Amino acid sequence: MDLRTGNRSHELRAHQGPVFAVAWSPRDGRLLATAGLDSRALLWDVRSASGPLLHLDCDGKGFAHTGLVNGLSFTPDGLHIVTLGFDQQLKLWDSFKGKEILVSYGRVKNDVMHHVELSVRSQLVLVPSKGWVRVLDLWTGQSAGNLCGHFDRVNCCVFREHYNEVYSGGKDRNVLVWTADIRAPQEVEVPTSQFSDAWSSDED
């Protein structure tokens, strides 16, 4: 889509089914990663509609996971991609070769048929897993703790670098704000009415 004119220039067609996750490369604004129901994760040059540049391939057949892929994020330097699949696996990939870098993150609970927003920093990956956010070392897979505070499934988490804060949102209609020391979160309630006050403050 051309943002200046609103006209559609071309479509990126290769997935066989719905696309659940997309992510722009922070290294090159022309590169886009996509993932979907067909168990594939693809990397595109958005200037061309001829086909994807490469498949993230774990089995020699072009599949990234055994089951749908609904989480996807580049590392901040754009050199690697992290994917989350319905097979309860989190995977790390070389974004230039499309090859998996073997890291054992353990089982990540994931049984939803929609997008899951995960967040990757230089050393850590934060990934929703049922009712909490798991914090894992990106390179070793070791746990750095869990962010527990939601009363239902967590669907997304975002790291705000300049403030060193993590935001998580869940099915419980709450947005939680976590500070770097990962103590108690601050809570922002999602209103039932669009005219309600969306923010609650805690002046600790």
C-alpha atoms as a PDB file:
ATOM      1  CA  MET A   1       0.000   0.000   0.000  1.00  0.00           C
ATOM      2  CA  ASP A   2       1.361   3.424  -1.013  1.00  0.00           C
ATOM      3  CA  LEU A   3       0.887   5.656   2.051  1.00  0.00           C
ATOM      4  CA  ARG A   4       0.997   8.804  -0.053  1.00  0.00           C
ATOM      5  CA  THR A   5      -1.767   7.830  -2.466  1.00  0.00           C
ATOM      6  CA  GLY A   6      -3.583   5.011  -0.684  1.00  0.00           C
ATOM      7  CA  ASN A   7      -3.228   2.833  -3.774  1.00  0.00           C
ATOM      8  CA  ARG A   8      -2.310  -0.846  -3.577  1.00  0.00           C
ATOM      9  CA  SER A   9       0.885  -1.540  -5.473  1.00  0.00           C
ATOM     10  CA  HIS A  10       1.122  -5.327  -5.139  1.00  0.00           C
ATOM     11  CA  GLU A  11       0.464  -8.278  -2.833  1.00  0.00           C
ATOM     12  CA  LEU A  12       2.870 -10.684  -1.171  1.00  0.00           C
ATOM     13  CA  ARG A  13       1.431 -14.128  -1.867  1.00  0.00           C
ATOM     14  CA  ALA A  14       2.979 -17.373  -0.639  1.00  0.00           C
ATOM     15  CA  HIS A  15       1.223 -18.380   2.583  1.00  0.00           C
ATOM     16  CA  GLN A  16      -1.427 -21.059   2.309  1.00  0.00           C
ATOM     17  CA  GLY A  17      -3.872 -19.716   4.845  1.00  0.00           C
ATOM     18  CA  PRO A  18      -4.194 -16.776   7.260  1.00  0.00           C
ATOM     19  CA  VAL A  19      -1.145 -14.746   8.255  1.00  0.00           C
ATOM     20  CA  PHE A  20      -0.886 -14.316  12.031  1.00  0.00           C
ATOM     21  CA  ALA A  21       2.305 -12.286  12.487  1.00  0.00           C
ATOM     22  CA  VAL A  22       4.340  -9.682  10.589  1.00  0.00           C
ATOM     23  CA  ALA A  23       7.503  -7.805  11.583  1.00  0.00           C
ATOM     24  CA  TRP A  24       9.675  -5.216   9.846  1.00  0.00           C
ATOM     25  CA  SER A  25      13.433  -5.609   9.956  1.00  0.00           C
ATOM     26  CA  PRO A  26      15.068  -2.870  12.055  1.00  0.00           C
ATOM     27  CA  ARG A  27      18.158  -3.267   9.867  1.00  0.00           C
ATOM     28  CA  ASP A  28      16.531  -2.794   6.477  1.00  0.00           C
ATOM     29  CA  GLY A  29      13.138  -1.115   6.045  1.00  0.00           C
ATOM     30  CA  ARG A  30      12.508  -3.087   2.847  1.00  0.00           C
ATOM     31  CA  LEU A  31      12.560  -6.462   4.612  1.00  0.00           C
ATOM     32  CA  LEU A  32       9.391  -7.921   6.104  1.00  0.00           C
ATOM     33  CA  ALA A  33       8.948 -11.224   7.941  1.00  0.00           C
ATOM     34  CA  THR A  34       5.578 -13.004   7.996  1.00  0.00           C
ATOM     35  CA  ALA A  35       4.239 -16.143   9.671  1.00  0.00           C
ATOM     36  CA  GLY A  36       0.955 -17.977   9.572  1.00  0.00           C
ATOM     37  CA  LEU A  37      -1.352 -20.954   9.796  1.00  0.00           C
ATOM     38  CA  ASP A  38       0.647 -22.968   7.245  1.00  0.00           C
ATOM     39  CA  SER A  39       3.576 -23.449   9.694  1.00  0.00           C
ATOM     40  CA  ARG A  40       5.773 -21.216   7.560  1.00  0.00           C
ATOM     41  CA  ALA A  41       7.772 -18.092   8.375  1.00  0.00           C
ATOM     42  CA  LEU A  42       8.919 -16.118   5.345  1.00  0.00           C
ATOM     43  CA  LEU A  43      11.215 -13.165   4.682  1.00  0.00           C
ATOM     44  CA  TRP A  44      10.283 -10.713   1.904  1.00  0.00           C
ATOM     45  CA  ASP A  45      11.698  -7.771   0.016  1.00  0.00           C
ATOM     46  CA  VAL A  46       8.501  -5.707  -0.106  1.00  0.00           C
ATOM     47  CA  ARG A  47       9.535  -4.085  -3.380  1.00  0.00           C
ATOM     48  CA  SER A  48       8.956  -7.363  -5.210  1.00  0.00           C
ATOM     49  CA  ALA A  49       5.857  -9.559  -5.496  1.00  0.00           C
ATOM     50  CA  SER A  50       7.731 -12.407  -7.204  1.00  0.00           C
ATOM     51  CA  GLY A  51       8.007 -14.452  -4.006  1.00  0.00           C
ATOM     52  CA  PRO A  52       9.747 -14.552  -0.617  1.00  0.00           C
ATOM     53  CA  LEU A  53      13.504 -14.152  -0.313  1.00  0.00           C
ATOM     54  CA  LEU A  54      13.743 -17.182   1.958  1.00  0.00           C
ATOM     55  CA  HIS A  55      11.877 -19.596   4.199  1.00  0.00           C
ATOM     56  CA  LEU A  56      12.837 -20.142   7.819  1.00  0.00           C
ATOM     57  CA  ASP A  57      13.395 -23.856   7.446  1.00  0.00           C
ATOM     58  CA  CYS A  58      13.805 -26.370  10.258  1.00  0.00           C
ATOM     59  CA  ASP A  59      13.089 -29.588   8.351  1.00  0.00           C
ATOM     60  CA  GLY A  60      14.342 -29.132   4.796  1.00  0.00           C
ATOM     61  CA  LYS A  61      10.755 -28.735   3.588  1.00  0.00           C
ATOM     62  CA  GLY A  62      10.313 -25.020   4.238  1.00  0.00           C
ATOM     63  CA  PHE A  63       8.447 -25.267   7.540  1.00  0.00           C
ATOM     64  CA  ALA A  64       9.449 -23.275  10.626  1.00  0.00           C
ATOM     65  CA  HIS A  65       7.287 -25.168  13.147  1.00  0.00           C
ATOM     66  CA  THR A  66       5.040 -28.215  13.336  1.00  0.00           C
ATOM     67  CA  GLY A  67       1.829 -26.243  13.632  1.00  0.00           C
ATOM     68  CA  LEU A  68       0.809 -22.653  13.046  1.00  0.00           C
ATOM     69  CA  VAL A  69       3.242 -19.804  13.756  1.00  0.00           C
ATOM     70  CA  ASN A  70       1.648 -16.869  15.577  1.00  0.00           C
ATOM     71  CA  GLY A  71       4.594 -15.015  17.134  1.00  0.00           C
ATOM     72  CA  LEU A  72       7.432 -13.304  15.297  1.00  0.00           C
ATOM     73  CA  SER A  73      10.058 -10.685  16.154  1.00  0.00           C
ATOM     74  CA  PHE A  74      13.443  -9.500  14.920  1.00  0.00           C
ATOM     75  CA  THR A  75      16.309  -8.922  17.302  1.00  0.00           C
ATOM     76  CA  PRO A  76      17.159  -5.194  17.596  1.00  0.00           C
ATOM     77  CA  ASP A  77      20.126  -5.534  15.210  1.00  0.00           C
ATOM     78  CA  GLY A  78      18.003  -7.358  12.614  1.00  0.00           C
ATOM     79  CA  LEU A  79      20.452 -10.264  12.404  1.00  0.00           C
ATOM     80  CA  HIS A  80      18.133 -12.817  13.987  1.00  0.00           C
ATOM     81  CA  ILE A  81      14.428 -13.659  14.160  1.00  0.00           C
ATOM     82  CA  VAL A  82      12.519 -15.294  17.009  1.00  0.00           C
ATOM     83  CA  THR A  83       9.354 -17.282  16.249  1.00  0.00           C
ATOM     84  CA  LEU A  84       6.665 -18.826  18.444  1.00  0.00           C
ATOM     85  CA  GLY A  85       4.614 -21.791  17.272  1.00  0.00           C
ATOM     86  CA  PHE A  86       1.572 -23.857  18.176  1.00  0.00           C
ATOM     87  CA  ASP A  87       4.012 -26.697  18.824  1.00  0.00           C
ATOM     88  CA  GLN A  88       4.882 -24.931  22.123  1.00  0.00           C
ATOM     89  CA  GLN A  89       8.337 -24.078  20.796  1.00  0.00           C
ATOM     90  CA  LEU A  90      10.254 -20.804  20.693  1.00  0.00           C
ATOM     91  CA  LYS A  91      12.942 -20.736  17.989  1.00  0.00           C
ATOM     92  CA  LEU A  92      15.885 -18.515  17.059  1.00  0.00           C
ATOM     93  CA  TRP A  93      16.855 -18.032  13.397  1.00  0.00           C
ATOM     94  CA  ASP A  94      19.630 -16.529  11.309  1.00  0.00           C
ATOM     95  CA  SER A  95      17.748 -13.900   9.296  1.00  0.00           C
ATOM     96  CA  PHE A  96      20.226 -14.040   6.389  1.00  0.00           C
ATOM     97  CA  LYS A  97      20.425 -17.816   5.917  1.00  0.00           C
ATOM     98  CA  GLY A  98      17.002 -18.837   7.240  1.00  0.00           C
ATOM     99  CA  LYS A  99      18.604 -21.529   9.392  1.00  0.00           C
ATOM    100  CA  GLU A 100      17.641 -22.351  12.952  1.00  0.00           C
ATOM    101  CA  ILE A 101      20.130 -21.631  15.735  1.00  0.00           C
ATOM    102  CA  LEU A 102      19.606 -24.390  18.248  1.00  0.00           C
ATOM    103  CA  VAL A 103      18.682 -22.980  21.657  1.00  0.00           C
ATOM    104  CA  SER A 104      16.603 -24.886  24.192  1.00  0.00           C
ATOM    105  CA  TYR A 105      14.001 -22.483  25.584  1.00  0.00           C
ATOM    106  CA  GLY A 106      11.844 -25.229  27.023  1.00  0.00           C
ATOM    107  CA  ARG A 107       8.121 -25.569  26.482  1.00  0.00           C
ATOM    108  CA  VAL A 108       6.245 -22.305  25.951  1.00  0.00           C
ATOM    109  CA  LYS A 109       2.488 -22.723  26.432  1.00  0.00           C
ATOM    110  CA  ASN A 110       0.764 -21.454  23.308  1.00  0.00           C
ATOM    111  CA  ASP A 111      -2.669 -22.679  22.247  1.00  0.00           C
ATOM    112  CA  VAL A 112      -4.323 -19.602  20.714  1.00  0.00           C
ATOM    113  CA  MET A 113      -5.425 -19.150  17.122  1.00  0.00           C
ATOM    114  CA  HIS A 114      -4.374 -15.512  16.884  1.00  0.00           C
ATOM    115  CA  HIS A 115      -1.328 -13.266  16.981  1.00  0.00           C
ATOM    116  CA  VAL A 116       0.874 -13.310  20.097  1.00  0.00           C
ATOM    117  CA  GLU A 117       3.148 -10.304  20.519  1.00  0.00           C
ATOM    118  CA  LEU A 118       6.583 -11.146  21.903  1.00  0.00           C
ATOM    119  CA  SER A 119       9.436  -8.749  22.551  1.00  0.00           C
ATOM    120  CA  VAL A 120      13.157  -9.257  21.959  1.00  0.00           C
ATOM    121  CA  ARG A 121      16.051  -7.264  23.403  1.00  0.00           C
ATOM    122  CA  SER A 122      19.780  -7.828  22.883  1.00  0.00           C
ATOM    123  CA  GLN A 123      20.013 -10.458  25.633  1.00  0.00           C
ATOM    124  CA  LEU A 124      16.420 -11.303  26.531  1.00  0.00           C
ATOM    125  CA  VAL A 125      13.223 -12.482  24.909  1.00  0.00           C
ATOM    126  CA  LEU A 126       9.883 -11.857  26.624  1.00  0.00           C
ATOM    127  CA  VAL A 127       7.103 -14.159  25.525  1.00  0.00           C
ATOM    128  CA  PRO A 128       3.491 -14.564  26.727  1.00  0.00           C
ATOM    129  CA  SER A 129       2.840 -18.057  28.039  1.00  0.00           C
ATOM    130  CA  LYS A 130      -0.701 -18.621  29.327  1.00  0.00           C
ATOM    131  CA  GLY A 131      -1.237 -16.265  32.288  1.00  0.00           C
ATOM    132  CA  TRP A 132       2.264 -14.842  32.617  1.00  0.00           C
ATOM    133  CA  VAL A 133       5.207 -13.508  30.619  1.00  0.00           C
ATOM    134  CA  ARG A 134       8.311 -15.679  30.509  1.00  0.00           C
ATOM    135  CA  VAL A 135      11.657 -13.877  30.473  1.00  0.00           C
ATOM    136  CA  LEU A 136      14.341 -15.981  28.792  1.00  0.00           C
ATOM    137  CA  ASP A 137      17.978 -15.500  27.890  1.00  0.00           C
ATOM    138  CA  LEU A 138      18.008 -15.153  24.112  1.00  0.00           C
ATOM    139  CA  TRP A 139      21.271 -17.038  23.589  1.00  0.00           C
ATOM    140  CA  THR A 140      21.185 -19.763  26.242  1.00  0.00           C
ATOM    141  CA  GLY A 141      17.455 -20.290  26.731  1.00  0.00           C
ATOM    142  CA  GLN A 142      17.807 -20.070  30.504  1.00  0.00           C
ATOM    143  CA  SER A 143      14.953 -18.539  32.463  1.00  0.00           C
ATOM    144  CA  ALA A 144      15.449 -15.059  33.892  1.00  0.00           C
ATOM    145  CA  GLY A 145      12.102 -15.164  35.696  1.00  0.00           C
ATOM    146  CA  ASN A 146       8.373 -14.869  35.045  1.00  0.00           C
ATOM    147  CA  LEU A 147       6.193 -11.761  35.139  1.00  0.00           C
ATOM    148  CA  CYS A 148       3.061 -12.867  36.997  1.00  0.00           C
ATOM    149  CA  GLY A 149       0.158 -10.503  37.616  1.00  0.00           C
ATOM    150  CA  HIS A 150      -2.563 -11.178  35.061  1.00  0.00           C
ATOM    151  CA  PHE A 151      -5.679 -13.163  35.930  1.00  0.00           C
ATOM    152  CA  ASP A 152      -6.123 -14.668  32.460  1.00  0.00           C
ATOM    153  CA  ARG A 153      -4.179 -15.365  29.269  1.00  0.00           C
ATOM    154  CA  VAL A 154      -1.503 -12.824  28.294  1.00  0.00           C
ATOM    155  CA  ASN A 155      -1.618 -11.928  24.590  1.00  0.00           C
ATOM    156  CA  CYS A 156       1.134  -9.364  24.175  1.00  0.00           C
ATOM    157  CA  CYS A 157       4.190  -7.776  25.735  1.00  0.00           C
ATOM    158  CA  VAL A 158       6.270  -4.824  24.565  1.00  0.00           C
ATOM    159  CA  PHE A 159       9.557  -3.465  25.885  1.00  0.00           C
ATOM    160  CA  ARG A 160       9.866   0.343  25.990  1.00  0.00           C
ATOM    161  CA  GLU A 161      13.587   0.838  25.792  1.00  0.00           C
ATOM    162  CA  HIS A 162      13.998   4.500  26.769  1.00  0.00           C
ATOM    163  CA  TYR A 163      12.022   3.996  29.981  1.00  0.00           C
ATOM    164  CA  ASN A 164      13.289   0.460  30.643  1.00  0.00           C
ATOM    165  CA  GLU A 165       9.719  -0.749  31.098  1.00  0.00           C
ATOM    166  CA  VAL A 166       7.706  -3.727  29.892  1.00  0.00           C
ATOM    167  CA  TYR A 167       3.997  -3.483  29.044  1.00  0.00           C
ATOM    168  CA  SER A 168       1.834  -6.598  29.005  1.00  0.00           C
ATOM    169  CA  GLY A 169      -1.801  -6.974  27.982  1.00  0.00           C
ATOM    170  CA  GLY A 170      -4.144  -9.862  28.613  1.00  0.00           C
ATOM    171  CA  LYS A 171      -7.591 -11.329  28.254  1.00  0.00           C
ATOM    172  CA  ASP A 172      -8.338 -10.027  31.763  1.00  0.00           C
ATOM    173  CA  ARG A 173      -8.651  -6.538  30.151  1.00  0.00           C
ATOM    174  CA  ASN A 174      -5.654  -5.208  32.082  1.00  0.00           C
ATOM    175  CA  VAL A 175      -2.441  -3.581  30.912  1.00  0.00           C
ATOM    176  CA  LEU A 176       0.421  -4.039  33.369  1.00  0.00           C
ATOM    177  CA  VAL A 177       3.571  -1.908  33.462  1.00  0.00           C
ATOM    178  CA  TRP A 178       6.729  -3.612  34.729  1.00  0.00           C
ATOM    179  CA  THR A 179       9.858  -1.747  35.764  1.00  0.00           C
ATOM    180  CA  ALA A 180      13.403  -3.043  35.383  1.00  0.00           C
ATOM    181  CA  ASP A 181      13.626  -4.471  38.889  1.00  0.00           C
ATOM    182  CA  ILE A 182      10.575  -6.659  38.077  1.00  0.00           C
ATOM    183  CA  ARG A 183       8.837  -6.162  41.376  1.00  0.00           C
ATOM    184  CA  ALA A 184       5.106  -5.453  41.567  1.00  0.00           C
ATOM    185  CA  PRO A 185       3.545  -4.178  38.328  1.00  0.00           C
ATOM    186  CA  GLN A 186       1.533  -1.006  37.994  1.00  0.00           C
ATOM    187  CA  GLU A 187      -1.911  -1.691  36.635  1.00  0.00           C
ATOM    188  CA  VAL A 188      -3.881   0.133  33.968  1.00  0.00           C
ATOM    189  CA  GLU A 189      -7.487  -1.019  33.715  1.00  0.00           C
ATOM    190  CA  VAL A 190      -9.159  -1.154  30.305  1.00  0.00           C
ATOM    191  CA  PRO A 191     -12.545   0.595  30.613  1.00  0.00           C
ATOM    192  CA  THR A 192     -15.830  -1.064  29.714  1.00  0.00           C
ATOM    193  CA  SER A 193     -16.985   2.204  28.144  1.00  0.00           C
ATOM    194  CA  GLN A 194     -15.075   4.348  25.695  1.00  0.00           C
ATOM    195  CA  PHE A 195     -16.012   7.369  27.831  1.00  0.00           C
ATOM    196  CA  SER A 196     -14.523   5.957  31.021  1.00  0.00           C
ATOM    197  CA  ASP A 197     -11.218   7.068  32.457  1.00  0.00           C
ATOM    198  CA  ALA A 198      -8.706   4.538  31.122  1.00  0.00           C
ATOM    199  CA  TRP A 199      -5.870   5.218  33.542  1.00  0.00           C
ATOM    200  CA  SER A 200      -5.354   4.524  37.207  1.00  0.00           C
ATOM    201  CA  SER A 201      -2.299   5.952  38.921  1.00  0.00           C
ATOM    202  CA  ASP A 202      -0.252   4.657  41.816  1.00  0.00           C
ATOM    203  CA  GLU A 203       1.867   7.341  43.440  1.00  0.00           C
ATOM    204  CA  ASP A 204       4.277   5.052  45.316  1.00  0.00           C
END
